Amino acid sequence: MATQRTALVSVFDKMGVTEFCAALVDLGFRVLSTGGTARALREAGVPVADVSEVTGFPEILDGRVKTLHPRIHGGLLALRSNPEHMRTLAKHGIDTIDLVAVNLYPFEQTIAKDGVTEEEAVENIDIGGPTMIRSAAKNFASVTVIVDPSDYAAVLFELRAHGDTLPATRRRLAAKVYAHTSRYDSAITRYLTEMAG
């Protein structure tokens, strides 16, 4: 098992992400990422590993499938206090993921555009993103999850001051995840219901 902490970062809204990830690297994190986020980090000179290096499986179906993998969700969901969970990770060579920064495809912005097609709308229904942040939020006892770039600074402050985020912060950020995914799913529900007539 790796002792180095791991952050998984995959964001549509890239505001502040390169600075955030550079700070995480300075704090000793390994950063995993996907697609456009990984490219942006590399272009900024931030060390980053592709998720496909961890899963051993390439992104497929035009990026529709990249993070839906036991090596990702095992690392997110394993209870650190459960010896059996940790033995299972070790048996399968899975590292824990300690921090997740993910925001979702812009579904609401997409459907607000004039002339948007149903195909365009459907392509902006995020699957992997909500799955990752819900997994991370469920395990808020051990995992810090960020869906809003405005939370980067507070997370970095706590990591520098305490070596980790505080339990109350992780719980607050987890609640923010479920509020976020609830709004997101509600927007999709309304859109599909209206399209069905």
N, C-alpha and C. Protein backbone atom coordinates (compact mmCIF):
# COMPACT_ATOMS: atom_id res chain seq x y z
N MET A 1 0.85 -1.21 0.00
CA MET A 1 0.00 0.00 0.00
C MET A 1 0.88 1.25 0.00
N ALA A 2 0.53 2.22 -0.82
CA ALA A 2 1.29 3.45 -0.87
C ALA A 2 1.00 4.28 0.38
N THR A 3 2.06 4.89 0.93
CA THR A 3 1.85 5.79 2.06
C THR A 3 1.59 7.21 1.58
N GLN A 4 1.96 7.49 0.34
CA GLN A 4 1.70 8.81 -0.23
C GLN A 4 0.20 9.01 -0.41
N ARG A 5 -0.29 10.17 -0.02
CA ARG A 5 -1.71 10.45 -0.20
C ARG A 5 -2.01 10.73 -1.67
N THR A 6 -3.23 10.41 -2.06
CA THR A 6 -3.63 10.54 -3.46
C THR A 6 -4.83 11.46 -3.57
N ALA A 7 -4.76 12.36 -4.56
CA ALA A 7 -5.90 13.22 -4.90
C ALA A 7 -6.34 12.89 -6.31
N LEU A 8 -7.64 12.78 -6.50
CA LEU A 8 -8.23 12.55 -7.82
C LEU A 8 -8.96 13.82 -8.24
N VAL A 9 -8.50 14.41 -9.34
CA VAL A 9 -9.01 15.71 -9.76
C VAL A 9 -9.46 15.62 -11.21
N SER A 10 -10.75 15.90 -11.44
CA SER A 10 -11.30 15.87 -12.79
C SER A 10 -12.44 16.87 -12.85
N VAL A 11 -12.17 18.04 -13.44
CA VAL A 11 -13.13 19.14 -13.33
C VAL A 11 -13.48 19.71 -14.70
N PHE A 12 -14.76 20.04 -14.86
CA PHE A 12 -15.17 20.79 -16.04
C PHE A 12 -14.82 22.27 -15.85
N ASP A 13 -15.14 22.79 -14.67
CA ASP A 13 -14.79 24.17 -14.33
C ASP A 13 -13.36 24.18 -13.79
N LYS A 14 -12.43 24.65 -14.63
CA LYS A 14 -11.01 24.56 -14.28
C LYS A 14 -10.48 25.79 -13.53
N MET A 15 -11.37 26.63 -13.05
CA MET A 15 -10.95 27.81 -12.30
C MET A 15 -10.10 27.41 -11.09
N GLY A 16 -8.86 27.86 -11.06
CA GLY A 16 -7.98 27.62 -9.91
C GLY A 16 -7.44 26.23 -9.77
N VAL A 17 -7.75 25.33 -10.72
CA VAL A 17 -7.38 23.92 -10.49
C VAL A 17 -5.88 23.69 -10.60
N THR A 18 -5.19 24.41 -11.48
CA THR A 18 -3.75 24.17 -11.59
C THR A 18 -3.03 24.63 -10.33
N GLU A 19 -3.43 25.78 -9.80
CA GLU A 19 -2.82 26.26 -8.56
C GLU A 19 -3.13 25.32 -7.39
N PHE A 20 -4.36 24.84 -7.34
CA PHE A 20 -4.76 23.92 -6.27
C PHE A 20 -3.93 22.64 -6.33
N CYS A 21 -3.81 22.07 -7.52
CA CYS A 21 -3.07 20.81 -7.65
C CYS A 21 -1.58 21.00 -7.41
N ALA A 22 -1.03 22.14 -7.84
CA ALA A 22 0.37 22.42 -7.55
C ALA A 22 0.60 22.47 -6.04
N ALA A 23 -0.34 23.07 -5.32
CA ALA A 23 -0.23 23.13 -3.86
C ALA A 23 -0.35 21.73 -3.24
N LEU A 24 -1.25 20.90 -3.78
CA LEU A 24 -1.36 19.52 -3.28
C LEU A 24 -0.06 18.76 -3.49
N VAL A 25 0.56 18.92 -4.65
CA VAL A 25 1.84 18.25 -4.91
C VAL A 25 2.88 18.73 -3.90
N ASP A 26 2.91 20.04 -3.62
CA ASP A 26 3.85 20.57 -2.63
C ASP A 26 3.61 19.97 -1.24
N LEU A 27 2.36 19.59 -0.98
CA LEU A 27 2.01 18.96 0.30
C LEU A 27 2.24 17.45 0.29
N GLY A 28 2.76 16.93 -0.82
CA GLY A 28 3.12 15.51 -0.87
C GLY A 28 2.09 14.60 -1.51
N PHE A 29 1.04 15.17 -2.10
CA PHE A 29 0.02 14.35 -2.76
C PHE A 29 0.48 13.90 -4.13
N ARG A 30 0.04 12.71 -4.51
CA ARG A 30 0.09 12.28 -5.91
C ARG A 30 -1.25 12.69 -6.51
N VAL A 31 -1.23 13.29 -7.70
CA VAL A 31 -2.46 13.75 -8.34
C VAL A 31 -2.78 12.83 -9.51
N LEU A 32 -4.01 12.30 -9.51
CA LEU A 32 -4.55 11.52 -10.62
C LEU A 32 -5.58 12.39 -11.35
N SER A 33 -5.65 12.22 -12.66
CA SER A 33 -6.63 13.02 -13.39
C SER A 33 -7.02 12.33 -14.69
N THR A 34 -7.92 13.00 -15.42
CA THR A 34 -8.43 12.46 -16.68
C THR A 34 -8.47 13.55 -17.72
N GLY A 35 -8.47 13.16 -18.97
CA GLY A 35 -8.78 14.01 -20.12
C GLY A 35 -8.24 15.42 -20.08
N GLY A 36 -9.16 16.37 -20.21
CA GLY A 36 -8.81 17.77 -20.31
C GLY A 36 -8.16 18.32 -19.06
N THR A 37 -8.55 17.82 -17.89
CA THR A 37 -7.93 18.29 -16.65
C THR A 37 -6.46 17.87 -16.60
N ALA A 38 -6.19 16.61 -16.96
CA ALA A 38 -4.81 16.14 -16.98
C ALA A 38 -3.97 16.96 -17.96
N ARG A 39 -4.54 17.28 -19.12
CA ARG A 39 -3.82 18.10 -20.10
C ARG A 39 -3.51 19.48 -19.54
N ALA A 40 -4.50 20.10 -18.90
CA ALA A 40 -4.30 21.43 -18.33
C ALA A 40 -3.21 21.42 -17.26
N LEU A 41 -3.20 20.38 -16.44
CA LEU A 41 -2.19 20.28 -15.39
C LEU A 41 -0.80 20.10 -15.99
N ARG A 42 -0.69 19.24 -17.00
CA ARG A 42 0.62 19.02 -17.65
C ARG A 42 1.12 20.31 -18.29
N GLU A 43 0.21 21.01 -18.96
CA GLU A 43 0.60 22.26 -19.61
C GLU A 43 1.09 23.29 -18.60
N ALA A 44 0.58 23.22 -17.37
CA ALA A 44 1.01 24.14 -16.31
C ALA A 44 2.22 23.61 -15.55
N GLY A 45 2.72 22.44 -15.95
CA GLY A 45 3.89 21.87 -15.30
C GLY A 45 3.61 21.18 -13.98
N VAL A 46 2.36 20.82 -13.74
CA VAL A 46 2.00 20.12 -12.50
C VAL A 46 2.11 18.61 -12.73
N PRO A 47 2.87 17.90 -11.91
CA PRO A 47 2.97 16.45 -12.08
C PRO A 47 1.60 15.78 -11.91
N VAL A 48 1.24 14.92 -12.86
CA VAL A 48 -0.07 14.28 -12.82
C VAL A 48 0.03 12.91 -13.46
N ALA A 49 -0.71 11.95 -12.92
CA ALA A 49 -0.81 10.61 -13.52
C ALA A 49 -2.22 10.43 -14.06
N ASP A 50 -2.33 9.77 -15.19
CA ASP A 50 -3.64 9.50 -15.76
C ASP A 50 -4.35 8.40 -14.96
N VAL A 51 -5.65 8.54 -14.81
CA VAL A 51 -6.45 7.50 -14.15
C VAL A 51 -6.23 6.14 -14.82
N SER A 52 -6.06 6.15 -16.14
CA SER A 52 -5.86 4.89 -16.86
C SER A 52 -4.59 4.16 -16.41
N GLU A 53 -3.61 4.89 -15.89
CA GLU A 53 -2.40 4.25 -15.35
C GLU A 53 -2.74 3.46 -14.08
N VAL A 54 -3.72 3.94 -13.34
CA VAL A 54 -4.14 3.27 -12.10
C VAL A 54 -5.07 2.10 -12.41
N THR A 55 -6.01 2.32 -13.33
CA THR A 55 -6.99 1.26 -13.62
C THR A 55 -6.40 0.18 -14.52
N GLY A 56 -5.36 0.54 -15.29
CA GLY A 56 -4.82 -0.41 -16.27
C GLY A 56 -5.75 -0.59 -17.45
N PHE A 57 -6.65 0.39 -17.64
CA PHE A 57 -7.65 0.29 -18.70
C PHE A 57 -7.82 1.67 -19.32
N PRO A 58 -7.84 1.78 -20.63
CA PRO A 58 -7.92 3.11 -21.25
C PRO A 58 -9.32 3.71 -21.14
N GLU A 59 -9.37 5.03 -21.29
CA GLU A 59 -10.67 5.69 -21.42
C GLU A 59 -11.32 5.17 -22.70
N ILE A 60 -12.59 4.82 -22.63
CA ILE A 60 -13.27 4.28 -23.81
C ILE A 60 -14.59 4.99 -24.06
N LEU A 61 -15.18 4.71 -25.19
CA LEU A 61 -16.50 5.24 -25.57
C LEU A 61 -16.51 6.77 -25.53
N ASP A 62 -15.50 7.38 -26.16
CA ASP A 62 -15.37 8.84 -26.20
C ASP A 62 -15.34 9.45 -24.80
N GLY A 63 -14.69 8.75 -23.88
CA GLY A 63 -14.57 9.26 -22.52
C GLY A 63 -15.75 8.97 -21.63
N ARG A 64 -16.76 8.26 -22.15
CA ARG A 64 -17.92 7.93 -21.30
C ARG A 64 -17.53 7.01 -20.15
N VAL A 65 -16.51 6.17 -20.36
CA VAL A 65 -16.07 5.25 -19.31
C VAL A 65 -14.58 5.47 -19.07
N LYS A 66 -14.27 5.97 -17.88
CA LYS A 66 -12.87 6.16 -17.52
C LYS A 66 -12.62 5.96 -16.03
N THR A 67 -13.55 6.38 -15.18
CA THR A 67 -13.33 6.26 -13.72
C THR A 67 -14.23 5.21 -13.07
N LEU A 68 -15.11 4.61 -13.84
CA LEU A 68 -16.01 3.59 -13.27
C LEU A 68 -15.25 2.27 -13.18
N HIS A 69 -14.47 2.11 -12.10
CA HIS A 69 -13.54 0.99 -11.99
C HIS A 69 -13.28 0.70 -10.51
N PRO A 70 -13.13 -0.60 -10.14
CA PRO A 70 -12.87 -0.94 -8.73
C PRO A 70 -11.61 -0.30 -8.16
N ARG A 71 -10.60 -0.04 -9.00
CA ARG A 71 -9.37 0.57 -8.48
C ARG A 71 -9.60 2.03 -8.08
N ILE A 72 -10.64 2.64 -8.64
CA ILE A 72 -11.02 3.99 -8.22
C ILE A 72 -11.99 3.93 -7.05
N HIS A 73 -13.09 3.20 -7.22
CA HIS A 73 -14.12 3.21 -6.18
C HIS A 73 -13.73 2.42 -4.95
N GLY A 74 -12.88 1.42 -5.11
CA GLY A 74 -12.33 0.74 -3.93
C GLY A 74 -11.50 1.71 -3.12
N GLY A 75 -10.67 2.50 -3.80
CA GLY A 75 -9.84 3.48 -3.12
C GLY A 75 -10.63 4.58 -2.44
N LEU A 76 -11.82 4.88 -2.96
CA LEU A 76 -12.68 5.89 -2.37
C LEU A 76 -13.50 5.37 -1.20
N LEU A 77 -14.03 4.15 -1.36
CA LEU A 77 -15.04 3.66 -0.42
C LEU A 77 -14.50 2.82 0.74
N ALA A 78 -13.27 2.35 0.65
CA ALA A 78 -12.74 1.50 1.72
C ALA A 78 -12.71 2.26 3.05
N LEU A 79 -13.23 1.61 4.08
CA LEU A 79 -13.19 2.18 5.43
C LEU A 79 -11.80 1.94 6.00
N ARG A 80 -11.09 3.03 6.26
CA ARG A 80 -9.71 2.91 6.75
C ARG A 80 -9.64 2.21 8.10
N SER A 81 -10.71 2.30 8.88
CA SER A 81 -10.74 1.68 10.21
C SER A 81 -11.13 0.21 10.17
N ASN A 82 -11.46 -0.31 8.99
CA ASN A 82 -11.91 -1.70 8.85
C ASN A 82 -10.74 -2.54 8.32
N PRO A 83 -10.14 -3.39 9.17
CA PRO A 83 -8.97 -4.16 8.73
C PRO A 83 -9.25 -5.03 7.51
N GLU A 84 -10.47 -5.55 7.39
CA GLU A 84 -10.80 -6.40 6.25
C GLU A 84 -10.82 -5.58 4.95
N HIS A 85 -11.35 -4.38 5.03
CA HIS A 85 -11.33 -3.50 3.86
C HIS A 85 -9.89 -3.23 3.43
N MET A 86 -9.04 -2.93 4.40
CA MET A 86 -7.66 -2.59 4.07
C MET A 86 -6.90 -3.81 3.54
N ARG A 87 -7.21 -4.98 4.07
CA ARG A 87 -6.59 -6.21 3.53
C ARG A 87 -7.04 -6.45 2.10
N THR A 88 -8.32 -6.16 1.82
CA THR A 88 -8.83 -6.34 0.45
C THR A 88 -8.12 -5.40 -0.51
N LEU A 89 -7.93 -4.15 -0.10
CA LEU A 89 -7.19 -3.23 -0.96
C LEU A 89 -5.78 -3.74 -1.22
N ALA A 90 -5.12 -4.19 -0.16
CA ALA A 90 -3.74 -4.69 -0.31
C ALA A 90 -3.70 -5.91 -1.24
N LYS A 91 -4.66 -6.79 -1.08
CA LYS A 91 -4.71 -8.01 -1.90
C LYS A 91 -4.82 -7.67 -3.38
N HIS A 92 -5.58 -6.63 -3.70
CA HIS A 92 -5.82 -6.27 -5.10
C HIS A 92 -4.94 -5.12 -5.59
N GLY A 93 -4.01 -4.69 -4.74
CA GLY A 93 -3.10 -3.62 -5.15
C GLY A 93 -3.78 -2.29 -5.38
N ILE A 94 -4.77 -1.98 -4.55
CA ILE A 94 -5.53 -0.74 -4.68
C ILE A 94 -5.06 0.25 -3.62
N ASP A 95 -4.74 1.46 -4.05
CA ASP A 95 -4.37 2.52 -3.11
C ASP A 95 -5.60 3.32 -2.71
N THR A 96 -5.57 3.82 -1.49
CA THR A 96 -6.66 4.71 -1.05
C THR A 96 -6.58 6.03 -1.81
N ILE A 97 -7.73 6.64 -1.98
CA ILE A 97 -7.82 7.99 -2.55
C ILE A 97 -8.34 8.88 -1.43
N ASP A 98 -7.59 9.92 -1.13
CA ASP A 98 -7.83 10.71 0.08
C ASP A 98 -8.56 12.01 -0.17
N LEU A 99 -8.49 12.49 -1.40
CA LEU A 99 -9.12 13.76 -1.74
C LEU A 99 -9.65 13.67 -3.16
N VAL A 100 -10.85 14.20 -3.36
CA VAL A 100 -11.47 14.22 -4.69
C VAL A 100 -11.92 15.64 -4.98
N ALA A 101 -11.52 16.16 -6.13
CA ALA A 101 -12.03 17.45 -6.60
C ALA A 101 -12.63 17.22 -7.97
N VAL A 102 -13.95 17.26 -8.04
CA VAL A 102 -14.68 16.95 -9.27
C VAL A 102 -15.85 17.91 -9.38
N ASN A 103 -16.02 18.50 -10.55
CA ASN A 103 -17.30 19.14 -10.83
C ASN A 103 -17.82 18.62 -12.16
N LEU A 104 -19.09 18.80 -12.38
CA LEU A 104 -19.81 17.99 -13.36
C LEU A 104 -19.98 18.69 -14.71
N TYR A 105 -20.23 17.87 -15.73
CA TYR A 105 -20.56 18.41 -17.04
C TYR A 105 -21.68 19.44 -16.89
N PRO A 106 -21.65 20.50 -17.67
CA PRO A 106 -22.59 21.61 -17.48
C PRO A 106 -23.96 21.34 -18.10
N PHE A 107 -24.71 20.44 -17.51
CA PHE A 107 -26.00 20.07 -18.08
C PHE A 107 -26.94 21.27 -18.17
N GLU A 108 -27.10 21.99 -17.07
CA GLU A 108 -28.07 23.09 -17.07
C GLU A 108 -27.67 24.20 -18.05
N GLN A 109 -26.37 24.50 -18.13
CA GLN A 109 -25.91 25.52 -19.08
C GLN A 109 -26.15 25.06 -20.51
N THR A 110 -25.97 23.76 -20.74
CA THR A 110 -26.16 23.21 -22.09
C THR A 110 -27.61 23.33 -22.53
N ILE A 111 -28.55 22.92 -21.68
CA ILE A 111 -29.96 22.94 -22.11
C ILE A 111 -30.51 24.36 -22.17
N ALA A 112 -29.80 25.33 -21.55
CA ALA A 112 -30.25 26.72 -21.61
C ALA A 112 -29.90 27.38 -22.95
N LYS A 113 -29.05 26.74 -23.74
CA LYS A 113 -28.63 27.33 -25.02
C LYS A 113 -29.76 27.21 -26.05
N ASP A 114 -29.86 28.23 -26.89
CA ASP A 114 -30.84 28.19 -27.98
C ASP A 114 -30.46 27.08 -28.96
N GLY A 115 -31.46 26.31 -29.37
CA GLY A 115 -31.26 25.31 -30.40
C GLY A 115 -30.51 24.07 -29.98
N VAL A 116 -30.34 23.86 -28.69
CA VAL A 116 -29.62 22.66 -28.25
C VAL A 116 -30.41 21.42 -28.62
N THR A 117 -29.72 20.41 -29.12
CA THR A 117 -30.41 19.17 -29.48
C THR A 117 -30.48 18.23 -28.28
N GLU A 118 -31.40 17.28 -28.38
CA GLU A 118 -31.50 16.29 -27.31
C GLU A 118 -30.19 15.51 -27.18
N GLU A 119 -29.55 15.21 -28.31
CA GLU A 119 -28.27 14.48 -28.26
C GLU A 119 -27.22 15.27 -27.49
N GLU A 120 -27.14 16.58 -27.73
CA GLU A 120 -26.18 17.41 -27.00
C GLU A 120 -26.50 17.41 -25.51
N ALA A 121 -27.78 17.52 -25.19
CA ALA A 121 -28.18 17.53 -23.78
C ALA A 121 -27.80 16.23 -23.10
N VAL A 122 -28.10 15.12 -23.75
CA VAL A 122 -27.82 13.81 -23.15
C VAL A 122 -26.32 13.60 -22.96
N GLU A 123 -25.51 14.08 -23.92
CA GLU A 123 -24.06 13.93 -23.78
C GLU A 123 -23.52 14.72 -22.60
N ASN A 124 -24.28 15.69 -22.12
CA ASN A 124 -23.85 16.47 -20.97
C ASN A 124 -24.48 15.99 -19.66
N ILE A 125 -25.02 14.78 -19.67
CA ILE A 125 -25.41 14.12 -18.43
C ILE A 125 -24.18 13.37 -17.92
N ASP A 126 -23.64 13.84 -16.82
CA ASP A 126 -22.43 13.27 -16.26
C ASP A 126 -22.78 11.99 -15.48
N ILE A 127 -21.98 10.95 -15.68
CA ILE A 127 -22.19 9.68 -14.96
C ILE A 127 -21.04 9.43 -13.99
N GLY A 128 -19.81 9.44 -14.52
CA GLY A 128 -18.66 9.15 -13.67
C GLY A 128 -18.46 10.17 -12.58
N GLY A 129 -18.68 11.45 -12.89
CA GLY A 129 -18.48 12.50 -11.90
C GLY A 129 -19.38 12.35 -10.68
N PRO A 130 -20.70 12.27 -10.87
CA PRO A 130 -21.57 12.08 -9.71
C PRO A 130 -21.26 10.80 -8.93
N THR A 131 -20.87 9.75 -9.66
CA THR A 131 -20.55 8.49 -8.98
C THR A 131 -19.34 8.65 -8.08
N MET A 132 -18.31 9.33 -8.59
CA MET A 132 -17.10 9.54 -7.79
C MET A 132 -17.37 10.41 -6.57
N ILE A 133 -18.08 11.52 -6.77
CA ILE A 133 -18.27 12.41 -5.63
C ILE A 133 -19.22 11.81 -4.60
N ARG A 134 -20.16 11.00 -5.04
CA ARG A 134 -21.04 10.33 -4.07
C ARG A 134 -20.27 9.27 -3.29
N SER A 135 -19.39 8.54 -3.97
CA SER A 135 -18.55 7.56 -3.25
C SER A 135 -17.67 8.26 -2.23
N ALA A 136 -17.03 9.34 -2.65
CA ALA A 136 -16.14 10.08 -1.75
C ALA A 136 -16.93 10.65 -0.56
N ALA A 137 -18.11 11.22 -0.85
CA ALA A 137 -18.90 11.83 0.21
C ALA A 137 -19.41 10.79 1.20
N LYS A 138 -19.74 9.61 0.72
CA LYS A 138 -20.18 8.54 1.63
C LYS A 138 -19.09 8.20 2.63
N ASN A 139 -17.83 8.32 2.20
CA ASN A 139 -16.70 7.98 3.06
C ASN A 139 -16.04 9.24 3.61
N PHE A 140 -16.86 10.24 3.97
CA PHE A 140 -16.31 11.51 4.44
C PHE A 140 -15.48 11.37 5.71
N ALA A 141 -15.60 10.26 6.41
CA ALA A 141 -14.75 10.05 7.59
C ALA A 141 -13.28 10.10 7.20
N SER A 142 -12.98 9.70 5.97
CA SER A 142 -11.58 9.64 5.53
C SER A 142 -11.28 10.44 4.28
N VAL A 143 -12.30 10.79 3.49
CA VAL A 143 -12.06 11.39 2.18
C VAL A 143 -12.61 12.81 2.15
N THR A 144 -11.80 13.73 1.65
CA THR A 144 -12.21 15.11 1.43
C THR A 144 -12.71 15.23 0.00
N VAL A 145 -13.91 15.77 -0.18
CA VAL A 145 -14.47 15.87 -1.53
C VAL A 145 -14.89 17.31 -1.80
N ILE A 146 -14.48 17.82 -2.95
CA ILE A 146 -14.72 19.22 -3.30
C ILE A 146 -15.44 19.28 -4.64
N VAL A 147 -16.58 19.96 -4.66
CA VAL A 147 -17.32 20.17 -5.92
C VAL A 147 -17.34 21.64 -6.33
N ASP A 148 -16.85 22.51 -5.46
CA ASP A 148 -16.91 23.95 -5.70
C ASP A 148 -15.50 24.52 -5.58
N PRO A 149 -14.97 25.11 -6.66
CA PRO A 149 -13.61 25.67 -6.58
C PRO A 149 -13.42 26.69 -5.46
N SER A 150 -14.50 27.30 -4.99
CA SER A 150 -14.35 28.27 -3.89
C SER A 150 -13.93 27.61 -2.59
N ASP A 151 -13.98 26.28 -2.53
CA ASP A 151 -13.54 25.55 -1.32
C ASP A 151 -12.06 25.17 -1.35
N TYR A 152 -11.38 25.38 -2.47
CA TYR A 152 -9.97 24.99 -2.56
C TYR A 152 -9.14 25.65 -1.46
N ALA A 153 -9.31 26.94 -1.27
CA ALA A 153 -8.46 27.67 -0.33
C ALA A 153 -8.62 27.16 1.10
N ALA A 154 -9.86 26.91 1.52
CA ALA A 154 -10.09 26.44 2.88
C ALA A 154 -9.50 25.06 3.10
N VAL A 155 -9.62 24.20 2.09
CA VAL A 155 -9.04 22.86 2.19
C VAL A 155 -7.52 22.94 2.29
N LEU A 156 -6.90 23.77 1.47
CA LEU A 156 -5.44 23.92 1.53
C LEU A 156 -5.01 24.49 2.88
N PHE A 157 -5.77 25.44 3.39
CA PHE A 157 -5.45 26.01 4.70
C PHE A 157 -5.41 24.92 5.78
N GLU A 158 -6.43 24.06 5.80
CA GLU A 158 -6.48 23.02 6.82
C GLU A 158 -5.39 21.98 6.61
N LEU A 159 -5.13 21.61 5.35
CA LEU A 159 -4.07 20.64 5.09
C LEU A 159 -2.73 21.18 5.59
N ARG A 160 -2.48 22.46 5.36
CA ARG A 160 -1.21 23.05 5.81
C ARG A 160 -1.17 23.20 7.33
N ALA A 161 -2.30 23.57 7.92
CA ALA A 161 -2.33 23.84 9.37
C ALA A 161 -2.37 22.58 10.20
N HIS A 162 -3.08 21.55 9.70
CA HIS A 162 -3.35 20.37 10.53
C HIS A 162 -2.82 19.06 9.92
N GLY A 163 -2.35 19.12 8.69
CA GLY A 163 -1.90 17.89 8.01
C GLY A 163 -3.05 17.12 7.38
N ASP A 164 -4.28 17.53 7.67
CA ASP A 164 -5.47 16.91 7.08
C ASP A 164 -6.61 17.91 7.22
N THR A 165 -7.71 17.63 6.53
CA THR A 165 -8.90 18.44 6.74
C THR A 165 -9.58 18.00 8.03
N LEU A 166 -10.31 18.90 8.63
CA LEU A 166 -11.00 18.59 9.88
C LEU A 166 -12.26 17.77 9.61
N PRO A 167 -12.62 16.89 10.55
CA PRO A 167 -13.84 16.08 10.35
C PRO A 167 -15.08 16.91 10.03
N ALA A 168 -15.25 18.05 10.70
CA ALA A 168 -16.43 18.88 10.44
C ALA A 168 -16.40 19.43 9.02
N THR A 169 -15.22 19.74 8.52
CA THR A 169 -15.10 20.24 7.14
C THR A 169 -15.45 19.14 6.15
N ARG A 170 -14.95 17.93 6.39
CA ARG A 170 -15.26 16.83 5.48
C ARG A 170 -16.76 16.54 5.47
N ARG A 171 -17.39 16.64 6.62
CA ARG A 171 -18.84 16.41 6.69
C ARG A 171 -19.59 17.51 5.95
N ARG A 172 -19.16 18.75 6.12
CA ARG A 172 -19.81 19.88 5.43
C ARG A 172 -19.66 19.74 3.91
N LEU A 173 -18.47 19.37 3.47
CA LEU A 173 -18.24 19.22 2.03
C LEU A 173 -19.04 18.03 1.47
N ALA A 174 -19.20 16.99 2.27
CA ALA A 174 -20.01 15.84 1.83
C ALA A 174 -21.46 16.25 1.66
N ALA A 175 -21.98 17.05 2.60
CA ALA A 175 -23.36 17.53 2.48
C ALA A 175 -23.52 18.36 1.21
N LYS A 176 -22.49 19.14 0.89
CA LYS A 176 -22.51 19.97 -0.31
C LYS A 176 -22.59 19.10 -1.57
N VAL A 177 -21.93 17.95 -1.54
CA VAL A 177 -21.99 17.02 -2.67
C VAL A 177 -23.41 16.57 -2.92
N TYR A 178 -24.09 16.13 -1.87
CA TYR A 178 -25.43 15.59 -2.07
C TYR A 178 -26.42 16.68 -2.48
N ALA A 179 -26.23 17.90 -1.99
CA ALA A 179 -27.06 19.01 -2.46
C ALA A 179 -26.81 19.25 -3.95
N HIS A 180 -25.54 19.17 -4.34
CA HIS A 180 -25.14 19.39 -5.73
C HIS A 180 -25.73 18.33 -6.66
N THR A 181 -25.58 17.06 -6.29
CA THR A 181 -26.09 15.99 -7.15
C THR A 181 -27.62 15.97 -7.16
N SER A 182 -28.23 16.39 -6.07
CA SER A 182 -29.70 16.46 -6.04
C SER A 182 -30.21 17.50 -7.04
N ARG A 183 -29.57 18.69 -7.04
CA ARG A 183 -29.96 19.72 -8.01
C ARG A 183 -29.71 19.25 -9.43
N TYR A 184 -28.59 18.60 -9.63
CA TYR A 184 -28.20 18.13 -10.96
C TYR A 184 -29.22 17.11 -11.48
N ASP A 185 -29.55 16.14 -10.64
CA ASP A 185 -30.52 15.12 -11.05
C ASP A 185 -31.90 15.71 -11.26
N SER A 186 -32.26 16.71 -10.46
CA SER A 186 -33.56 17.35 -10.63
C SER A 186 -33.65 18.05 -11.98
N ALA A 187 -32.54 18.69 -12.40
CA ALA A 187 -32.53 19.37 -13.70
C ALA A 187 -32.68 18.37 -14.83
N ILE A 188 -32.02 17.24 -14.71
CA ILE A 188 -32.13 16.19 -15.74
C ILE A 188 -33.56 15.64 -15.77
N THR A 189 -34.11 15.41 -14.58
CA THR A 189 -35.48 14.90 -14.49
C THR A 189 -36.46 15.85 -15.17
N ARG A 190 -36.35 17.14 -14.88
CA ARG A 190 -37.26 18.12 -15.49
C ARG A 190 -37.10 18.12 -17.01
N TYR A 191 -35.87 18.11 -17.48
CA TYR A 191 -35.62 18.16 -18.92
C TYR A 191 -36.23 16.95 -19.63
N LEU A 192 -35.94 15.76 -19.13
CA LEU A 192 -36.44 14.55 -19.78
C LEU A 192 -37.95 14.46 -19.71
N THR A 193 -38.51 14.91 -18.60
CA THR A 193 -39.97 14.89 -18.46
C THR A 193 -40.61 15.83 -19.49
N GLU A 194 -40.03 17.03 -19.65
CA GLU A 194 -40.56 17.97 -20.64
C GLU A 194 -40.40 17.43 -22.05
N MET A 195 -39.27 16.78 -22.33
CA MET A 195 -39.04 16.23 -23.66
C MET A 195 -40.00 15.10 -23.96
N ALA A 196 -40.41 14.37 -22.92
CA ALA A 196 -41.35 13.26 -23.12
C ALA A 196 -42.77 13.76 -23.38
N GLY A 197 -42.98 15.05 -23.12
CA GLY A 197 -44.30 15.63 -23.39
C GLY A 197 -45.26 15.35 -22.28
